[in-house]
Structure formats: structure tokens, C-alpha cells
Amino acid sequence: MQTNQQSLETYELKKPFIDNDRDRVYNEIFINGSITCHELAEQWGCPPNCISGRFSELSKLGLIVADGKKYLPNYKGQLYPHTVWRCIR
């Protein structure tokens, strides 16, 4: 039970930052028209896993939708598919 309480306390401390990041991600998708998580992470200079959760949240809220795939190279130059996201207008 202690772990759950600590998790809740940590979440409450981080919640304002999560909401702010969600807004930032949404605004970037809106401004760009469409973008992948990896492209945005590269623009922001952070790993994709730092912002991928915000894409999932926005999708679950019905604010963004998948709009196809884009093939981007990994660090070895191999191409991998990444979901392209766009805002629902």
C-alpha cells in the first residue's frame, strides 16, 4: 500500500508538467500539420520515450489521429515505420 501512496504523490507532483507537455505536443502537431513522435523528439532534443506518452494521451482524448506512416532512419541508417499524427480540426 505504501508504494501506491508514493506513486500517487509522485503523480500529483508531476501532473502540472504532464499537462503542460501535453499542451506543447498538441501545439507542435497543430503548427506542423502532422508529425511523428520521433521527429518532434528530434526537434526538442529529447528521446522519443520522453514524449510518446503525451501522443498516446492526446489520441485517447480524441484530439489527434494517426494519419499514415513515415519511414525514418535509425542510428544505423535502416528505415523503420513511424506513425504520423495530425490534429482533429
N, C-alpha and C. Protein backbone atom coordinates (compact mmCIF):
# COMPACT_ATOMS: atom_id res chain seq x y z
N MET A 1 0.81 -1.19 0.00
CA MET A 1 0.00 0.00 0.00
C MET A 1 0.86 1.26 0.00
N GLN A 2 2.01 1.17 0.65
CA GLN A 2 2.93 2.31 0.70
C GLN A 2 3.36 2.72 -0.72
N THR A 3 3.64 1.73 -1.56
CA THR A 3 4.08 2.02 -2.92
C THR A 3 3.00 2.77 -3.68
N ASN A 4 1.74 2.37 -3.55
CA ASN A 4 0.65 3.06 -4.23
C ASN A 4 0.55 4.51 -3.77
N GLN A 5 0.70 4.75 -2.49
CA GLN A 5 0.65 6.11 -1.97
C GLN A 5 1.80 6.94 -2.53
N GLN A 6 2.98 6.36 -2.59
CA GLN A 6 4.13 7.07 -3.14
C GLN A 6 3.91 7.37 -4.63
N SER A 7 3.34 6.42 -5.35
CA SER A 7 3.05 6.63 -6.76
C SER A 7 2.06 7.76 -6.95
N LEU A 8 1.03 7.79 -6.15
CA LEU A 8 0.03 8.85 -6.24
C LEU A 8 0.65 10.21 -5.92
N GLU A 9 1.49 10.25 -4.89
CA GLU A 9 2.13 11.51 -4.53
C GLU A 9 3.06 12.00 -5.64
N THR A 10 3.80 11.08 -6.23
CA THR A 10 4.70 11.43 -7.33
C THR A 10 3.90 11.93 -8.53
N TYR A 11 2.80 11.24 -8.84
CA TYR A 11 1.95 11.66 -9.95
C TYR A 11 1.42 13.06 -9.72
N GLU A 12 0.95 13.34 -8.53
CA GLU A 12 0.40 14.67 -8.21
C GLU A 12 1.48 15.75 -8.37
N LEU A 13 2.71 15.42 -8.03
CA LEU A 13 3.80 16.39 -8.20
C LEU A 13 4.11 16.63 -9.67
N LYS A 14 4.02 15.58 -10.48
CA LYS A 14 4.36 15.68 -11.90
C LYS A 14 3.20 16.14 -12.78
N LYS A 15 1.98 16.04 -12.29
CA LYS A 15 0.80 16.31 -13.11
C LYS A 15 0.84 17.66 -13.84
N PRO A 16 1.20 18.76 -13.18
CA PRO A 16 1.24 20.02 -13.93
C PRO A 16 2.21 20.00 -15.11
N PHE A 17 3.32 19.27 -14.95
CA PHE A 17 4.28 19.19 -16.04
C PHE A 17 3.77 18.30 -17.16
N ILE A 18 3.07 17.23 -16.81
CA ILE A 18 2.49 16.35 -17.82
C ILE A 18 1.47 17.12 -18.64
N ASP A 19 0.58 17.86 -17.97
CA ASP A 19 -0.43 18.65 -18.68
C ASP A 19 0.23 19.67 -19.59
N ASN A 20 1.28 20.33 -19.09
CA ASN A 20 1.99 21.32 -19.89
C ASN A 20 2.64 20.67 -21.11
N ASP A 21 3.28 19.52 -20.92
CA ASP A 21 3.90 18.80 -22.04
C ASP A 21 2.86 18.36 -23.06
N ARG A 22 1.71 17.94 -22.57
CA ARG A 22 0.63 17.52 -23.48
C ARG A 22 0.20 18.70 -24.35
N ASP A 23 0.06 19.86 -23.74
CA ASP A 23 -0.31 21.07 -24.49
C ASP A 23 0.77 21.43 -25.51
N ARG A 24 2.02 21.32 -25.10
CA ARG A 24 3.13 21.64 -26.00
C ARG A 24 3.14 20.69 -27.20
N VAL A 25 2.95 19.40 -26.93
CA VAL A 25 2.93 18.41 -28.02
C VAL A 25 1.77 18.71 -28.97
N TYR A 26 0.59 18.96 -28.41
CA TYR A 26 -0.57 19.27 -29.25
C TYR A 26 -0.30 20.49 -30.13
N ASN A 27 0.25 21.54 -29.54
CA ASN A 27 0.54 22.76 -30.30
C ASN A 27 1.53 22.51 -31.42
N GLU A 28 2.54 21.70 -31.17
CA GLU A 28 3.52 21.39 -32.21
C GLU A 28 2.89 20.59 -33.35
N ILE A 29 2.03 19.64 -33.01
CA ILE A 29 1.33 18.87 -34.06
C ILE A 29 0.47 19.82 -34.88
N PHE A 30 -0.25 20.70 -34.21
CA PHE A 30 -1.12 21.66 -34.88
C PHE A 30 -0.31 22.57 -35.81
N ILE A 31 0.78 23.10 -35.32
CA ILE A 31 1.62 24.02 -36.09
C ILE A 31 2.23 23.32 -37.31
N ASN A 32 2.70 22.09 -37.11
CA ASN A 32 3.35 21.35 -38.20
C ASN A 32 2.37 20.72 -39.17
N GLY A 33 1.12 20.62 -38.80
CA GLY A 33 0.13 19.95 -39.64
C GLY A 33 0.08 18.46 -39.36
N SER A 34 1.23 17.84 -39.36
CA SER A 34 1.37 16.43 -38.97
C SER A 34 2.84 16.20 -38.65
N ILE A 35 3.09 15.23 -37.77
CA ILE A 35 4.45 14.97 -37.33
C ILE A 35 4.49 13.61 -36.63
N THR A 36 5.65 12.99 -36.63
CA THR A 36 5.82 11.75 -35.86
C THR A 36 6.41 12.10 -34.50
N CYS A 37 6.27 11.20 -33.58
CA CYS A 37 6.85 11.38 -32.25
C CYS A 37 8.37 11.53 -32.36
N HIS A 38 8.99 10.74 -33.22
CA HIS A 38 10.44 10.79 -33.37
C HIS A 38 10.90 12.13 -33.96
N GLU A 39 10.15 12.66 -34.90
CA GLU A 39 10.51 13.96 -35.47
C GLU A 39 10.43 15.06 -34.42
N LEU A 40 9.37 15.03 -33.62
CA LEU A 40 9.22 16.05 -32.58
C LEU A 40 10.30 15.90 -31.52
N ALA A 41 10.60 14.68 -31.14
CA ALA A 41 11.66 14.45 -30.16
C ALA A 41 13.00 14.98 -30.68
N GLU A 42 13.25 14.78 -31.95
CA GLU A 42 14.49 15.30 -32.54
C GLU A 42 14.51 16.83 -32.50
N GLN A 43 13.38 17.46 -32.83
CA GLN A 43 13.29 18.92 -32.78
C GLN A 43 13.55 19.44 -31.37
N TRP A 44 13.01 18.75 -30.39
CA TRP A 44 13.13 19.18 -28.99
C TRP A 44 14.42 18.72 -28.33
N GLY A 45 15.15 17.84 -28.98
CA GLY A 45 16.40 17.35 -28.42
C GLY A 45 16.21 16.42 -27.23
N CYS A 46 15.18 15.58 -27.31
CA CYS A 46 14.92 14.63 -26.23
C CYS A 46 14.65 13.25 -26.82
N PRO A 47 14.77 12.19 -26.03
CA PRO A 47 14.45 10.86 -26.55
C PRO A 47 12.94 10.73 -26.80
N PRO A 48 12.54 9.96 -27.80
CA PRO A 48 11.11 9.80 -28.10
C PRO A 48 10.30 9.29 -26.92
N ASN A 49 10.89 8.45 -26.06
CA ASN A 49 10.12 7.91 -24.95
C ASN A 49 9.75 8.99 -23.92
N CYS A 50 10.39 10.14 -23.98
CA CYS A 50 10.04 11.23 -23.06
C CYS A 50 8.71 11.90 -23.43
N ILE A 51 8.31 11.79 -24.70
CA ILE A 51 7.08 12.46 -25.12
C ILE A 51 6.05 11.52 -25.73
N SER A 52 6.40 10.26 -25.96
CA SER A 52 5.47 9.33 -26.62
C SER A 52 4.18 9.16 -25.81
N GLY A 53 4.28 9.23 -24.50
CA GLY A 53 3.08 9.12 -23.67
C GLY A 53 2.10 10.24 -23.90
N ARG A 54 2.60 11.43 -24.23
CA ARG A 54 1.72 12.56 -24.50
C ARG A 54 0.94 12.32 -25.80
N PHE A 55 1.58 11.69 -26.80
CA PHE A 55 0.89 11.35 -28.04
C PHE A 55 -0.24 10.35 -27.73
N SER A 56 0.05 9.37 -26.90
CA SER A 56 -0.97 8.37 -26.52
C SER A 56 -2.14 9.03 -25.81
N GLU A 57 -1.84 9.93 -24.89
CA GLU A 57 -2.90 10.62 -24.15
C GLU A 57 -3.76 11.46 -25.08
N LEU A 58 -3.13 12.20 -25.97
CA LEU A 58 -3.87 13.04 -26.91
C LEU A 58 -4.75 12.19 -27.83
N SER A 59 -4.23 11.03 -28.23
CA SER A 59 -5.01 10.13 -29.06
C SER A 59 -6.23 9.59 -28.30
N LYS A 60 -6.03 9.17 -27.07
CA LYS A 60 -7.14 8.66 -26.25
C LYS A 60 -8.18 9.73 -25.98
N LEU A 61 -7.74 10.99 -25.90
CA LEU A 61 -8.67 12.11 -25.69
C LEU A 61 -9.40 12.48 -26.98
N GLY A 62 -8.99 11.88 -28.10
CA GLY A 62 -9.63 12.18 -29.39
C GLY A 62 -9.19 13.50 -29.99
N LEU A 63 -8.04 14.01 -29.57
CA LEU A 63 -7.56 15.29 -30.08
C LEU A 63 -6.63 15.15 -31.28
N ILE A 64 -6.00 13.97 -31.42
CA ILE A 64 -5.15 13.69 -32.57
C ILE A 64 -5.50 12.31 -33.11
N VAL A 65 -5.20 12.11 -34.39
CA VAL A 65 -5.43 10.80 -35.01
C VAL A 65 -4.21 10.41 -35.83
N ALA A 66 -4.03 9.10 -35.98
CA ALA A 66 -2.97 8.59 -36.84
C ALA A 66 -3.33 8.91 -38.28
N ASP A 67 -2.33 9.35 -39.03
CA ASP A 67 -2.56 9.77 -40.42
C ASP A 67 -1.51 9.13 -41.33
N GLY A 68 -1.30 7.84 -41.16
CA GLY A 68 -0.36 7.13 -42.01
C GLY A 68 0.96 6.84 -41.32
N LYS A 69 1.91 6.40 -42.12
CA LYS A 69 3.24 6.03 -41.64
C LYS A 69 4.29 6.82 -42.43
N LYS A 70 5.40 7.05 -41.76
CA LYS A 70 6.55 7.68 -42.41
C LYS A 70 7.76 6.83 -42.05
N TYR A 71 8.58 6.52 -43.04
CA TYR A 71 9.77 5.71 -42.80
C TYR A 71 10.95 6.63 -42.51
N LEU A 72 11.50 6.46 -41.31
CA LEU A 72 12.63 7.27 -40.87
C LEU A 72 13.80 6.37 -40.53
N PRO A 73 15.02 6.83 -40.78
CA PRO A 73 16.19 6.00 -40.49
C PRO A 73 16.51 5.96 -39.01
N ASN A 74 17.00 4.81 -38.55
CA ASN A 74 17.50 4.73 -37.18
C ASN A 74 18.98 5.13 -37.20
N TYR A 75 19.65 4.94 -36.09
CA TYR A 75 21.05 5.36 -36.00
C TYR A 75 21.97 4.58 -36.93
N LYS A 76 21.51 3.41 -37.42
CA LYS A 76 22.31 2.62 -38.37
C LYS A 76 21.93 2.94 -39.82
N GLY A 77 20.95 3.81 -40.00
CA GLY A 77 20.51 4.16 -41.34
C GLY A 77 19.40 3.28 -41.89
N GLN A 78 18.96 2.29 -41.11
CA GLN A 78 17.86 1.42 -41.55
C GLN A 78 16.53 2.17 -41.37
N LEU A 79 15.65 1.98 -42.34
CA LEU A 79 14.36 2.67 -42.29
C LEU A 79 13.34 1.87 -41.49
N TYR A 80 12.61 2.58 -40.62
CA TYR A 80 11.56 1.98 -39.81
C TYR A 80 10.31 2.84 -39.89
N PRO A 81 9.12 2.20 -39.87
CA PRO A 81 7.87 2.98 -39.94
C PRO A 81 7.56 3.66 -38.61
N HIS A 82 7.10 4.89 -38.71
CA HIS A 82 6.66 5.66 -37.55
C HIS A 82 5.31 6.27 -37.86
N THR A 83 4.43 6.27 -36.89
CA THR A 83 3.09 6.82 -37.08
C THR A 83 3.16 8.33 -37.23
N VAL A 84 2.45 8.82 -38.22
CA VAL A 84 2.31 10.27 -38.43
C VAL A 84 1.01 10.68 -37.75
N TRP A 85 1.07 11.72 -36.93
CA TRP A 85 -0.10 12.20 -36.20
C TRP A 85 -0.54 13.55 -36.70
N ARG A 86 -1.86 13.78 -36.68
CA ARG A 86 -2.39 15.11 -37.02
C ARG A 86 -3.52 15.44 -36.06
N CYS A 87 -3.78 16.72 -35.89
CA CYS A 87 -4.86 17.18 -35.02
C CYS A 87 -6.20 17.01 -35.74
N ILE A 88 -7.21 16.79 -34.96
CA ILE A 88 -8.57 16.76 -35.49
C ILE A 88 -9.06 18.21 -35.43
N ARG A 89 -9.51 18.71 -36.55
CA ARG A 89 -9.93 20.12 -36.58
C ARG A 89 -11.41 20.24 -36.61
